[in-house]
Amino acid sequence: MAIERKNLRSQVRQELLTRMRAGLVQPGEGINEVQLATELGVSRTPLREALIALESEGQIESENGKGFRFVPLSASEFRDLAPVMAALESLALELSPPEELRRIGGQLKEMADAFADELVEHQLVITKDDEWHSVMLSACPNARLLAVIDSVRSSFHRYESLLVPEDVKVERVAAEHAEIARHLAAGDIPAAVEALKLNWMHGMQRILDNATSSYFTE
């Protein structure tokens, strides 16, 4: 796709993240900057800025004399991401106004009830879960924390898309979201945090159980 000429670095970064998430690039694959810049219709400058930003987020890496490449998949790294996400989102809840979390809890419960299927196409699970977690974090006043969460979530999604094809039906436990929502609505933040941590760890294991990528190593 051609990139519109505004905020080029951000658009290039987002396009590369989209390709990673869609499984259109392979872990360990080198990045041909000249070819990619031509393909996206941008100069080398915004492309390199986007690549440097992605490197700082851990999405790609650079080697002396070899340029950038997409980071290979590692089972151990993926297992590390779930507790990091759980800890960051838990902190976001703890920083949010309790009265706002009570209100949000009711909304989250409605969303969980509306999406209660236990066997769903993987891409739909990703989309719905993102919507649910975005609402859950919407009361957090710490913009820097939310930016960090967004960055780590991008890494988590890259693993998801490359490990499990988007049209594969995967198991999910809708009750986990409903439980978090109930605790928030009741004002029991510690219980909501514990339920949230379990949700992330269980979700990570469900993805590993469905993993089919030949690029996945220990």
N, C-alpha and C. Protein backbone atom coordinates (compact mmCIF):
# COMPACT_ATOMS: atom_id res chain seq x y z
N MET A 1 0.84 -1.19 0.00
CA MET A 1 0.00 0.00 0.00
C MET A 1 0.88 1.25 0.00
N ALA A 2 0.40 2.32 -0.64
CA ALA A 2 1.13 3.58 -0.63
C ALA A 2 0.76 4.35 0.63
N ILE A 3 1.74 4.99 1.25
CA ILE A 3 1.53 5.72 2.49
C ILE A 3 1.20 7.18 2.19
N GLU A 4 0.15 7.73 2.82
CA GLU A 4 -0.18 9.14 2.67
C GLU A 4 0.93 9.97 3.29
N ARG A 5 1.20 11.13 2.68
CA ARG A 5 2.35 11.91 3.12
C ARG A 5 2.00 12.84 4.28
N LYS A 6 1.65 12.27 5.40
CA LYS A 6 1.51 13.03 6.63
C LYS A 6 1.85 12.09 7.77
N ASN A 7 2.61 12.61 8.71
CA ASN A 7 3.03 11.79 9.84
C ASN A 7 3.60 10.46 9.34
N LEU A 8 4.53 10.56 8.42
CA LEU A 8 5.02 9.37 7.71
C LEU A 8 5.62 8.32 8.63
N ARG A 9 6.43 8.75 9.58
CA ARG A 9 7.08 7.76 10.45
C ARG A 9 6.05 6.90 11.17
N SER A 10 5.01 7.55 11.71
CA SER A 10 3.98 6.82 12.43
C SER A 10 3.22 5.88 11.51
N GLN A 11 2.93 6.34 10.29
CA GLN A 11 2.20 5.50 9.35
C GLN A 11 3.02 4.30 8.89
N VAL A 12 4.31 4.53 8.66
CA VAL A 12 5.18 3.41 8.26
C VAL A 12 5.28 2.41 9.39
N ARG A 13 5.46 2.89 10.61
CA ARG A 13 5.53 2.00 11.77
C ARG A 13 4.27 1.17 11.87
N GLN A 14 3.11 1.81 11.72
CA GLN A 14 1.85 1.10 11.85
C GLN A 14 1.67 0.07 10.74
N GLU A 15 2.10 0.40 9.53
CA GLU A 15 1.99 -0.54 8.42
C GLU A 15 2.85 -1.77 8.67
N LEU A 16 4.05 -1.58 9.19
CA LEU A 16 4.92 -2.72 9.48
C LEU A 16 4.35 -3.58 10.60
N LEU A 17 3.78 -2.93 11.62
CA LEU A 17 3.14 -3.68 12.70
C LEU A 17 1.96 -4.50 12.17
N THR A 18 1.21 -3.90 11.25
CA THR A 18 0.07 -4.61 10.65
C THR A 18 0.55 -5.84 9.90
N ARG A 19 1.64 -5.70 9.18
CA ARG A 19 2.18 -6.85 8.44
C ARG A 19 2.67 -7.94 9.40
N MET A 20 3.31 -7.53 10.48
CA MET A 20 3.76 -8.51 11.47
C MET A 20 2.56 -9.25 12.06
N ARG A 21 1.56 -8.47 12.44
CA ARG A 21 0.39 -9.06 13.09
C ARG A 21 -0.36 -9.99 12.14
N ALA A 22 -0.35 -9.66 10.86
CA ALA A 22 -1.05 -10.49 9.87
C ALA A 22 -0.22 -11.69 9.43
N GLY A 23 1.00 -11.80 9.93
CA GLY A 23 1.85 -12.92 9.55
C GLY A 23 2.40 -12.80 8.14
N LEU A 24 2.52 -11.56 7.62
CA LEU A 24 3.00 -11.35 6.25
C LEU A 24 4.52 -11.27 6.17
N VAL A 25 5.18 -11.27 7.33
CA VAL A 25 6.64 -11.30 7.36
C VAL A 25 7.08 -12.48 8.21
N GLN A 26 8.28 -12.96 7.97
CA GLN A 26 8.78 -14.13 8.68
C GLN A 26 9.79 -13.72 9.74
N PRO A 27 9.73 -14.34 10.92
CA PRO A 27 10.74 -14.08 11.96
C PRO A 27 12.14 -14.35 11.43
N GLY A 28 13.05 -13.41 11.66
CA GLY A 28 14.41 -13.56 11.18
C GLY A 28 14.63 -13.02 9.78
N GLU A 29 13.55 -12.65 9.09
CA GLU A 29 13.64 -12.14 7.72
C GLU A 29 14.31 -10.77 7.70
N GLY A 30 15.26 -10.56 6.77
CA GLY A 30 15.91 -9.28 6.63
C GLY A 30 15.00 -8.25 5.99
N ILE A 31 15.26 -6.98 6.26
CA ILE A 31 14.45 -5.89 5.72
C ILE A 31 15.26 -5.13 4.68
N ASN A 32 14.79 -5.16 3.45
CA ASN A 32 15.43 -4.42 2.35
C ASN A 32 14.84 -3.01 2.35
N GLU A 33 15.60 -2.05 2.87
CA GLU A 33 15.08 -0.70 3.05
C GLU A 33 14.73 -0.03 1.73
N VAL A 34 15.57 -0.21 0.72
CA VAL A 34 15.30 0.41 -0.58
C VAL A 34 14.01 -0.13 -1.17
N GLN A 35 13.86 -1.43 -1.15
CA GLN A 35 12.66 -2.06 -1.70
C GLN A 35 11.42 -1.67 -0.91
N LEU A 36 11.53 -1.66 0.42
CA LEU A 36 10.38 -1.33 1.25
C LEU A 36 9.97 0.12 1.09
N ALA A 37 10.94 1.03 1.01
CA ALA A 37 10.63 2.45 0.82
C ALA A 37 9.89 2.66 -0.50
N THR A 38 10.34 1.98 -1.55
CA THR A 38 9.68 2.08 -2.85
C THR A 38 8.26 1.53 -2.78
N GLU A 39 8.12 0.41 -2.13
CA GLU A 39 6.81 -0.24 -2.01
C GLU A 39 5.81 0.63 -1.27
N LEU A 40 6.29 1.33 -0.23
CA LEU A 40 5.40 2.17 0.58
C LEU A 40 5.25 3.58 0.02
N GLY A 41 6.10 3.94 -0.94
CA GLY A 41 6.02 5.26 -1.52
C GLY A 41 6.53 6.36 -0.63
N VAL A 42 7.58 6.05 0.17
CA VAL A 42 8.16 7.04 1.07
C VAL A 42 9.67 7.08 0.84
N SER A 43 10.30 8.12 1.40
CA SER A 43 11.76 8.21 1.31
C SER A 43 12.39 7.34 2.39
N ARG A 44 13.70 7.22 2.34
CA ARG A 44 14.40 6.39 3.32
C ARG A 44 14.34 6.99 4.73
N THR A 45 14.22 8.31 4.83
CA THR A 45 14.27 8.96 6.15
C THR A 45 13.13 8.53 7.07
N PRO A 46 11.85 8.70 6.68
CA PRO A 46 10.78 8.25 7.58
C PRO A 46 10.79 6.74 7.80
N LEU A 47 11.23 6.00 6.79
CA LEU A 47 11.30 4.55 6.95
C LEU A 47 12.33 4.19 8.02
N ARG A 48 13.50 4.81 7.95
CA ARG A 48 14.53 4.50 8.94
C ARG A 48 14.09 4.95 10.33
N GLU A 49 13.42 6.08 10.43
CA GLU A 49 12.91 6.53 11.73
C GLU A 49 11.93 5.52 12.30
N ALA A 50 11.07 4.97 11.44
CA ALA A 50 10.10 3.97 11.89
C ALA A 50 10.80 2.69 12.32
N LEU A 51 11.84 2.30 11.58
CA LEU A 51 12.58 1.09 11.92
C LEU A 51 13.30 1.25 13.25
N ILE A 52 13.87 2.42 13.49
CA ILE A 52 14.54 2.67 14.76
C ILE A 52 13.54 2.61 15.91
N ALA A 53 12.34 3.17 15.68
CA ALA A 53 11.30 3.12 16.71
C ALA A 53 10.90 1.68 17.01
N LEU A 54 10.74 0.88 15.97
CA LEU A 54 10.37 -0.52 16.16
C LEU A 54 11.48 -1.31 16.85
N GLU A 55 12.72 -0.93 16.56
CA GLU A 55 13.85 -1.60 17.23
C GLU A 55 13.82 -1.31 18.73
N SER A 56 13.50 -0.06 19.09
CA SER A 56 13.45 0.30 20.50
C SER A 56 12.33 -0.43 21.23
N GLU A 57 11.31 -0.87 20.48
CA GLU A 57 10.19 -1.60 21.06
C GLU A 57 10.42 -3.11 21.07
N GLY A 58 11.53 -3.54 20.46
CA GLY A 58 11.83 -4.96 20.44
C GLY A 58 11.16 -5.73 19.32
N GLN A 59 10.55 -5.02 18.37
CA GLN A 59 9.87 -5.69 17.26
C GLN A 59 10.84 -6.14 16.17
N ILE A 60 11.91 -5.37 15.98
CA ILE A 60 12.93 -5.73 15.01
C ILE A 60 14.29 -5.54 15.67
N GLU A 61 15.35 -6.00 15.02
CA GLU A 61 16.69 -5.83 15.55
C GLU A 61 17.63 -5.50 14.41
N SER A 62 18.79 -4.94 14.75
CA SER A 62 19.77 -4.59 13.72
C SER A 62 21.08 -5.31 14.00
N GLU A 63 21.79 -5.61 12.93
CA GLU A 63 23.09 -6.24 13.02
C GLU A 63 24.09 -5.38 12.26
N ASN A 64 25.28 -5.23 12.82
CA ASN A 64 26.31 -4.42 12.16
C ASN A 64 26.58 -4.92 10.75
N GLY A 65 26.41 -4.03 9.80
CA GLY A 65 26.71 -4.37 8.42
C GLY A 65 25.63 -5.17 7.72
N LYS A 66 24.56 -5.53 8.44
CA LYS A 66 23.51 -6.35 7.83
C LYS A 66 22.14 -5.69 7.86
N GLY A 67 22.03 -4.52 8.48
CA GLY A 67 20.75 -3.83 8.51
C GLY A 67 19.78 -4.42 9.52
N PHE A 68 18.49 -4.15 9.28
CA PHE A 68 17.44 -4.59 10.19
C PHE A 68 16.86 -5.93 9.78
N ARG A 69 16.33 -6.64 10.75
CA ARG A 69 15.58 -7.87 10.46
C ARG A 69 14.50 -8.04 11.52
N PHE A 70 13.47 -8.78 11.17
CA PHE A 70 12.40 -9.06 12.11
C PHE A 70 12.90 -10.05 13.16
N VAL A 71 12.53 -9.82 14.41
CA VAL A 71 13.04 -10.62 15.52
C VAL A 71 12.49 -12.05 15.44
N PRO A 72 13.36 -13.05 15.56
CA PRO A 72 12.89 -14.44 15.57
C PRO A 72 11.98 -14.72 16.76
N LEU A 73 11.11 -15.70 16.62
CA LEU A 73 10.20 -16.06 17.70
C LEU A 73 10.89 -16.96 18.71
N SER A 74 10.58 -16.75 19.97
CA SER A 74 11.14 -17.56 21.04
C SER A 74 10.04 -17.89 22.04
N ALA A 75 9.88 -19.16 22.36
CA ALA A 75 8.85 -19.58 23.31
C ALA A 75 9.07 -18.94 24.67
N SER A 76 10.32 -18.87 25.09
CA SER A 76 10.61 -18.30 26.41
C SER A 76 10.26 -16.82 26.47
N GLU A 77 10.55 -16.08 25.37
CA GLU A 77 10.20 -14.66 25.36
C GLU A 77 8.69 -14.47 25.38
N PHE A 78 7.98 -15.29 24.62
CA PHE A 78 6.53 -15.16 24.61
C PHE A 78 5.95 -15.42 26.00
N ARG A 79 6.49 -16.42 26.69
CA ARG A 79 6.02 -16.70 28.05
C ARG A 79 6.31 -15.52 28.97
N ASP A 80 7.37 -14.79 28.69
CA ASP A 80 7.71 -13.63 29.52
C ASP A 80 6.74 -12.47 29.31
N LEU A 81 6.15 -12.37 28.11
CA LEU A 81 5.30 -11.23 27.80
C LEU A 81 4.01 -11.21 28.60
N ALA A 82 3.42 -12.38 28.84
CA ALA A 82 2.12 -12.43 29.53
C ALA A 82 2.19 -11.83 30.94
N PRO A 83 3.14 -12.23 31.80
CA PRO A 83 3.20 -11.61 33.12
C PRO A 83 3.55 -10.12 33.08
N VAL A 84 4.31 -9.70 32.06
CA VAL A 84 4.61 -8.28 31.92
C VAL A 84 3.33 -7.51 31.61
N MET A 85 2.53 -8.02 30.66
CA MET A 85 1.26 -7.37 30.34
C MET A 85 0.34 -7.36 31.55
N ALA A 86 0.29 -8.47 32.28
CA ALA A 86 -0.57 -8.56 33.46
C ALA A 86 -0.16 -7.52 34.50
N ALA A 87 1.14 -7.38 34.72
CA ALA A 87 1.63 -6.42 35.71
C ALA A 87 1.33 -4.98 35.30
N LEU A 88 1.54 -4.68 34.02
CA LEU A 88 1.31 -3.32 33.53
C LEU A 88 -0.17 -2.95 33.59
N GLU A 89 -1.03 -3.86 33.14
CA GLU A 89 -2.46 -3.55 33.18
C GLU A 89 -2.97 -3.50 34.61
N SER A 90 -2.41 -4.31 35.49
CA SER A 90 -2.80 -4.26 36.90
C SER A 90 -2.45 -2.90 37.50
N LEU A 91 -1.26 -2.39 37.16
CA LEU A 91 -0.87 -1.07 37.64
C LEU A 91 -1.81 0.00 37.11
N ALA A 92 -2.21 -0.13 35.85
CA ALA A 92 -3.14 0.84 35.26
C ALA A 92 -4.46 0.85 36.03
N LEU A 93 -4.94 -0.32 36.43
CA LEU A 93 -6.17 -0.39 37.23
C LEU A 93 -5.97 0.28 38.58
N GLU A 94 -4.84 0.01 39.21
CA GLU A 94 -4.59 0.56 40.54
C GLU A 94 -4.45 2.08 40.51
N LEU A 95 -4.07 2.64 39.36
CA LEU A 95 -3.94 4.09 39.22
C LEU A 95 -5.25 4.76 38.79
N SER A 96 -6.24 3.97 38.43
CA SER A 96 -7.50 4.51 37.93
C SER A 96 -8.43 4.89 39.09
N PRO A 97 -9.24 5.94 38.93
CA PRO A 97 -10.20 6.33 39.97
C PRO A 97 -11.19 5.19 40.23
N PRO A 98 -11.35 4.78 41.49
CA PRO A 98 -12.25 3.66 41.82
C PRO A 98 -13.68 3.85 41.31
N GLU A 99 -14.18 5.08 41.40
CA GLU A 99 -15.56 5.31 40.96
C GLU A 99 -15.71 5.09 39.45
N GLU A 100 -14.65 5.43 38.71
CA GLU A 100 -14.67 5.20 37.27
C GLU A 100 -14.62 3.71 36.96
N LEU A 101 -13.85 2.97 37.74
CA LEU A 101 -13.74 1.53 37.52
C LEU A 101 -15.06 0.83 37.82
N ARG A 102 -15.80 1.33 38.80
CA ARG A 102 -17.13 0.75 39.07
C ARG A 102 -18.04 0.90 37.85
N ARG A 103 -18.01 2.09 37.27
CA ARG A 103 -18.84 2.34 36.09
C ARG A 103 -18.37 1.47 34.92
N ILE A 104 -17.07 1.44 34.71
CA ILE A 104 -16.51 0.65 33.61
C ILE A 104 -16.79 -0.83 33.81
N GLY A 105 -16.78 -1.28 35.07
CA GLY A 105 -17.05 -2.69 35.35
C GLY A 105 -18.38 -3.15 34.78
N GLY A 106 -19.40 -2.31 34.91
CA GLY A 106 -20.70 -2.67 34.35
C GLY A 106 -20.67 -2.76 32.84
N GLN A 107 -19.96 -1.84 32.21
CA GLN A 107 -19.83 -1.86 30.75
C GLN A 107 -19.06 -3.10 30.29
N LEU A 108 -18.00 -3.45 31.02
CA LEU A 108 -17.21 -4.63 30.67
C LEU A 108 -18.01 -5.91 30.81
N LYS A 109 -18.88 -5.94 31.82
CA LYS A 109 -19.72 -7.13 32.02
C LYS A 109 -20.67 -7.30 30.84
N GLU A 110 -21.24 -6.20 30.36
CA GLU A 110 -22.12 -6.27 29.20
C GLU A 110 -21.36 -6.75 27.97
N MET A 111 -20.14 -6.26 27.79
CA MET A 111 -19.33 -6.68 26.64
C MET A 111 -18.98 -8.16 26.73
N ALA A 112 -18.65 -8.62 27.94
CA ALA A 112 -18.31 -10.03 28.13
C ALA A 112 -19.51 -10.92 27.85
N ASP A 113 -20.68 -10.49 28.31
CA ASP A 113 -21.90 -11.28 28.09
C ASP A 113 -22.26 -11.33 26.61
N ALA A 114 -21.98 -10.24 25.88
CA ALA A 114 -22.33 -10.18 24.46
C ALA A 114 -21.40 -11.02 23.60
N PHE A 115 -20.21 -11.31 24.13
CA PHE A 115 -19.25 -12.14 23.40
C PHE A 115 -18.86 -13.31 24.30
N ALA A 116 -19.78 -14.26 24.40
CA ALA A 116 -19.62 -15.36 25.35
C ALA A 116 -19.23 -16.68 24.69
N ASP A 117 -19.00 -16.67 23.37
CA ASP A 117 -18.65 -17.92 22.68
C ASP A 117 -17.33 -18.47 23.22
N GLU A 118 -17.26 -19.79 23.32
CA GLU A 118 -16.07 -20.44 23.87
C GLU A 118 -15.13 -20.98 22.78
N LEU A 119 -15.61 -21.05 21.52
CA LEU A 119 -14.77 -21.52 20.41
C LEU A 119 -14.96 -20.55 19.26
N VAL A 120 -13.93 -19.74 18.96
CA VAL A 120 -14.07 -18.61 18.05
C VAL A 120 -12.84 -18.52 17.15
N GLU A 121 -13.02 -17.96 15.93
CA GLU A 121 -11.87 -17.72 15.06
C GLU A 121 -10.88 -16.80 15.77
N HIS A 122 -9.61 -17.13 15.63
CA HIS A 122 -8.57 -16.44 16.39
C HIS A 122 -8.56 -14.93 16.16
N GLN A 123 -8.75 -14.49 14.91
CA GLN A 123 -8.71 -13.06 14.63
C GLN A 123 -9.82 -12.32 15.36
N LEU A 124 -11.00 -12.93 15.47
CA LEU A 124 -12.10 -12.29 16.19
C LEU A 124 -11.79 -12.20 17.68
N VAL A 125 -11.13 -13.23 18.21
CA VAL A 125 -10.73 -13.19 19.62
C VAL A 125 -9.80 -12.01 19.87
N ILE A 126 -8.82 -11.82 18.98
CA ILE A 126 -7.88 -10.70 19.14
C ILE A 126 -8.62 -9.37 19.12
N THR A 127 -9.51 -9.20 18.14
CA THR A 127 -10.24 -7.93 17.99
C THR A 127 -11.10 -7.64 19.21
N LYS A 128 -11.88 -8.62 19.64
CA LYS A 128 -12.78 -8.42 20.77
C LYS A 128 -12.01 -8.22 22.07
N ASP A 129 -10.94 -8.98 22.26
CA ASP A 129 -10.14 -8.82 23.47
C ASP A 129 -9.49 -7.45 23.53
N ASP A 130 -9.01 -6.95 22.39
CA ASP A 130 -8.43 -5.61 22.36
C ASP A 130 -9.46 -4.56 22.77
N GLU A 131 -10.67 -4.69 22.24
CA GLU A 131 -11.73 -3.74 22.57
C GLU A 131 -12.03 -3.78 24.06
N TRP A 132 -12.10 -4.98 24.61
CA TRP A 132 -12.45 -5.16 26.02
C TRP A 132 -11.37 -4.56 26.92
N HIS A 133 -10.12 -4.87 26.63
CA HIS A 133 -9.02 -4.37 27.46
C HIS A 133 -8.86 -2.85 27.31
N SER A 134 -9.14 -2.31 26.14
CA SER A 134 -9.07 -0.86 25.95
C SER A 134 -10.08 -0.14 26.83
N VAL A 135 -11.28 -0.67 26.90
CA VAL A 135 -12.30 -0.09 27.78
C VAL A 135 -11.86 -0.21 29.23
N MET A 136 -11.32 -1.36 29.60
CA MET A 136 -10.89 -1.59 30.98
C MET A 136 -9.85 -0.55 31.42
N LEU A 137 -8.97 -0.16 30.50
CA LEU A 137 -7.88 0.76 30.83
C LEU A 137 -8.24 2.22 30.59
N SER A 138 -9.44 2.49 30.13
CA SER A 138 -9.80 3.84 29.68
C SER A 138 -9.81 4.89 30.78
N ALA A 139 -9.86 4.47 32.04
CA ALA A 139 -9.87 5.44 33.14
C ALA A 139 -8.48 5.74 33.67
N CYS A 140 -7.48 5.03 33.19
CA CYS A 140 -6.12 5.25 33.69
C CYS A 140 -5.61 6.62 33.24
N PRO A 141 -5.14 7.46 34.17
CA PRO A 141 -4.70 8.81 33.80
C PRO A 141 -3.24 8.90 33.36
N ASN A 142 -2.51 7.78 33.44
CA ASN A 142 -1.08 7.80 33.15
C ASN A 142 -0.82 7.47 31.69
N ALA A 143 -0.63 8.50 30.88
CA ALA A 143 -0.46 8.31 29.44
C ALA A 143 0.82 7.55 29.11
N ARG A 144 1.88 7.77 29.87
CA ARG A 144 3.14 7.07 29.62
C ARG A 144 2.97 5.56 29.85
N LEU A 145 2.28 5.20 30.90
CA LEU A 145 2.03 3.79 31.18
C LEU A 145 1.21 3.16 30.06
N LEU A 146 0.20 3.86 29.59
CA LEU A 146 -0.64 3.33 28.51
C LEU A 146 0.16 3.14 27.23
N ALA A 147 1.13 4.04 26.99
CA ALA A 147 1.97 3.90 25.80
C ALA A 147 2.86 2.66 25.91
N VAL A 148 3.37 2.40 27.11
CA VAL A 148 4.19 1.20 27.33
C VAL A 148 3.34 -0.05 27.12
N ILE A 149 2.12 -0.03 27.65
CA ILE A 149 1.21 -1.17 27.48
C ILE A 149 0.95 -1.42 26.01
N ASP A 150 0.73 -0.35 25.25
CA ASP A 150 0.47 -0.49 23.82
C ASP A 150 1.66 -1.12 23.10
N SER A 151 2.86 -0.74 23.50
CA SER A 151 4.07 -1.29 22.88
C SER A 151 4.22 -2.78 23.17
N VAL A 152 4.02 -3.16 24.43
CA VAL A 152 4.15 -4.57 24.80
C VAL A 152 3.04 -5.39 24.16
N ARG A 153 1.84 -4.80 24.08
CA ARG A 153 0.73 -5.51 23.44
C ARG A 153 1.05 -5.80 21.97
N SER A 154 1.72 -4.86 21.30
CA SER A 154 2.10 -5.08 19.90
C SER A 154 3.02 -6.29 19.78
N SER A 155 3.95 -6.43 20.70
CA SER A 155 4.84 -7.60 20.69
C SER A 155 4.04 -8.88 20.91
N PHE A 156 3.10 -8.82 21.84
CA PHE A 156 2.26 -9.99 22.14
C PHE A 156 1.46 -10.39 20.90
N HIS A 157 0.89 -9.39 20.22
CA HIS A 157 0.08 -9.66 19.03
C HIS A 157 0.93 -10.25 17.91
N ARG A 158 2.16 -9.80 17.80
CA ARG A 158 3.02 -10.34 16.75
C ARG A 158 3.21 -11.84 16.94
N TYR A 159 3.40 -12.23 18.17
CA TYR A 159 3.51 -13.66 18.45
C TYR A 159 2.20 -14.37 18.12
N GLU A 160 1.09 -13.77 18.55
CA GLU A 160 -0.21 -14.39 18.30
C GLU A 160 -0.42 -14.68 16.82
N SER A 161 -0.20 -13.66 15.98
CA SER A 161 -0.51 -13.79 14.56
C SER A 161 0.40 -14.78 13.86
N LEU A 162 1.64 -14.88 14.33
CA LEU A 162 2.58 -15.77 13.68
C LEU A 162 2.51 -17.20 14.23
N LEU A 163 1.98 -17.35 15.43
CA LEU A 163 1.87 -18.68 16.02
C LEU A 163 0.58 -19.38 15.64
N VAL A 164 -0.49 -18.60 15.52
CA VAL A 164 -1.81 -19.19 15.28
C VAL A 164 -2.46 -18.50 14.09
N PRO A 165 -2.77 -19.21 12.99
CA PRO A 165 -3.46 -18.62 11.85
C PRO A 165 -4.77 -17.96 12.28
N GLU A 166 -5.11 -16.83 11.64
CA GLU A 166 -6.27 -16.05 12.09
C GLU A 166 -7.59 -16.76 11.89
N ASP A 167 -7.66 -17.73 10.95
CA ASP A 167 -8.94 -18.40 10.71
C ASP A 167 -9.11 -19.68 11.54
N VAL A 168 -8.12 -20.01 12.36
CA VAL A 168 -8.23 -21.19 13.22
C VAL A 168 -9.15 -20.88 14.39
N LYS A 169 -10.03 -21.80 14.72
CA LYS A 169 -10.91 -21.62 15.88
C LYS A 169 -10.14 -22.01 17.14
N VAL A 170 -10.14 -21.12 18.12
CA VAL A 170 -9.41 -21.35 19.35
C VAL A 170 -10.37 -21.28 20.54
N GLU A 171 -9.98 -21.95 21.61
CA GLU A 171 -10.79 -21.92 22.82
C GLU A 171 -10.52 -20.64 23.59
N ARG A 172 -11.55 -20.11 24.20
CA ARG A 172 -11.40 -18.98 25.09
C ARG A 172 -12.35 -19.20 26.27
N VAL A 173 -12.10 -18.51 27.35
CA VAL A 173 -12.94 -18.65 28.53
C VAL A 173 -13.58 -17.30 28.82
N ALA A 174 -14.79 -17.11 28.33
CA ALA A 174 -15.48 -15.83 28.48
C ALA A 174 -15.69 -15.48 29.95
N ALA A 175 -15.80 -16.50 30.79
CA ALA A 175 -16.06 -16.26 32.21
C ALA A 175 -14.92 -15.49 32.87
N GLU A 176 -13.71 -15.58 32.32
CA GLU A 176 -12.58 -14.86 32.91
C GLU A 176 -12.79 -13.35 32.81
N HIS A 177 -13.24 -12.87 31.67
CA HIS A 177 -13.52 -11.45 31.52
C HIS A 177 -14.70 -11.04 32.41
N ALA A 178 -15.71 -11.88 32.46
CA ALA A 178 -16.88 -11.57 33.28
C ALA A 178 -16.50 -11.45 34.75
N GLU A 179 -15.58 -12.29 35.20
CA GLU A 179 -15.15 -12.25 36.61
C GLU A 179 -14.40 -10.95 36.91
N ILE A 180 -13.50 -10.55 36.02
CA ILE A 180 -12.79 -9.28 36.21
C ILE A 180 -13.79 -8.13 36.28
N ALA A 181 -14.76 -8.14 35.37
CA ALA A 181 -15.77 -7.07 35.33
C ALA A 181 -16.58 -7.01 36.62
N ARG A 182 -16.96 -8.16 37.14
CA ARG A 182 -17.75 -8.19 38.38
C ARG A 182 -16.97 -7.58 39.54
N HIS A 183 -15.70 -7.92 39.64
CA HIS A 183 -14.89 -7.37 40.73
C HIS A 183 -14.74 -5.86 40.60
N LEU A 184 -14.55 -5.37 39.38
CA LEU A 184 -14.43 -3.93 39.18
C LEU A 184 -15.72 -3.21 39.54
N ALA A 185 -16.84 -3.77 39.10
CA ALA A 185 -18.14 -3.16 39.39
C ALA A 185 -18.41 -3.12 40.89
N ALA A 186 -17.87 -4.10 41.61
CA ALA A 186 -18.07 -4.17 43.06
C ALA A 186 -17.05 -3.33 43.82
N GLY A 187 -16.09 -2.76 43.11
CA GLY A 187 -15.08 -1.95 43.76
C GLY A 187 -13.96 -2.74 44.39
N ASP A 188 -13.87 -4.02 44.09
CA ASP A 188 -12.83 -4.88 44.66
C ASP A 188 -11.65 -4.95 43.69
N ILE A 189 -10.81 -3.93 43.73
CA ILE A 189 -9.69 -3.83 42.78
C ILE A 189 -8.67 -4.96 42.97
N PRO A 190 -8.29 -5.30 44.21
CA PRO A 190 -7.33 -6.40 44.38
C PRO A 190 -7.81 -7.71 43.76
N ALA A 191 -9.09 -8.02 43.91
CA ALA A 191 -9.63 -9.25 43.32
C ALA A 191 -9.63 -9.16 41.80
N ALA A 192 -9.93 -7.97 41.27
CA ALA A 192 -9.91 -7.78 39.82
C ALA A 192 -8.50 -7.97 39.27
N VAL A 193 -7.52 -7.46 40.00
CA VAL A 193 -6.12 -7.59 39.58
C VAL A 193 -5.70 -9.06 39.54
N GLU A 194 -6.08 -9.83 40.55
CA GLU A 194 -5.73 -11.25 40.58
C GLU A 194 -6.39 -11.99 39.42
N ALA A 195 -7.65 -11.67 39.16
CA ALA A 195 -8.36 -12.31 38.05
C ALA A 195 -7.75 -11.92 36.71
N LEU A 196 -7.29 -10.67 36.60
CA LEU A 196 -6.66 -10.19 35.37
C LEU A 196 -5.35 -10.94 35.11
N LYS A 197 -4.56 -11.14 36.15
CA LYS A 197 -3.29 -11.85 36.00
C LYS A 197 -3.53 -13.29 35.52
N LEU A 198 -4.52 -13.94 36.10
CA LEU A 198 -4.85 -15.30 35.68
C LEU A 198 -5.31 -15.33 34.22
N ASN A 199 -6.08 -14.32 33.82
CA ASN A 199 -6.57 -14.24 32.45
C ASN A 199 -5.41 -14.16 31.45
N TRP A 200 -4.41 -13.35 31.76
CA TRP A 200 -3.26 -13.23 30.87
C TRP A 200 -2.46 -14.52 30.80
N MET A 201 -2.25 -15.16 31.95
CA MET A 201 -1.47 -16.40 31.95
C MET A 201 -2.21 -17.52 31.23
N HIS A 202 -3.52 -17.61 31.46
CA HIS A 202 -4.31 -18.64 30.78
C HIS A 202 -4.35 -18.37 29.27
N GLY A 203 -4.49 -17.08 28.89
CA GLY A 203 -4.53 -16.73 27.48
C GLY A 203 -3.24 -17.09 26.78
N MET A 204 -2.11 -16.82 27.44
CA MET A 204 -0.81 -17.18 26.88
C MET A 204 -0.71 -18.68 26.64
N GLN A 205 -1.17 -19.47 27.61
CA GLN A 205 -1.08 -20.92 27.47
C GLN A 205 -1.99 -21.43 26.37
N ARG A 206 -3.17 -20.81 26.22
CA ARG A 206 -4.08 -21.24 25.15
C ARG A 206 -3.46 -20.99 23.77
N ILE A 207 -2.75 -19.87 23.63
CA ILE A 207 -2.08 -19.59 22.36
C ILE A 207 -0.99 -20.62 22.09
N LEU A 208 -0.20 -20.93 23.11
CA LEU A 208 0.86 -21.93 22.95
C LEU A 208 0.27 -23.29 22.57
N ASP A 209 -0.87 -23.61 23.15
CA ASP A 209 -1.52 -24.90 22.86
C ASP A 209 -1.97 -24.98 21.41
N ASN A 210 -2.26 -23.81 20.79
CA ASN A 210 -2.74 -23.78 19.41
C ASN A 210 -1.65 -23.42 18.40
N ALA A 211 -0.41 -23.24 18.88
CA ALA A 211 0.67 -22.77 18.02
C ALA A 211 0.99 -23.76 16.92
N THR A 212 1.18 -23.23 15.70
CA THR A 212 1.52 -24.07 14.55
C THR A 212 2.75 -23.57 13.80
N SER A 213 3.32 -22.44 14.23
CA SER A 213 4.41 -21.83 13.48
C SER A 213 5.68 -22.68 13.51
N SER A 214 6.26 -22.90 12.34
CA SER A 214 7.51 -23.65 12.25
C SER A 214 8.71 -22.79 12.64
N TYR A 215 8.48 -21.48 12.84
CA TYR A 215 9.57 -20.58 13.21
C TYR A 215 9.71 -20.44 14.71
N PHE A 216 8.88 -21.14 15.45
CA PHE A 216 8.84 -21.00 16.90
C PHE A 216 9.88 -21.91 17.53
N THR A 217 10.80 -21.35 18.31
CA THR A 217 11.83 -22.13 18.97
C THR A 217 11.77 -21.89 20.47
N GLU A 218 12.39 -22.77 21.21
CA GLU A 218 12.46 -22.59 22.65
C GLU A 218 13.47 -21.50 23.01
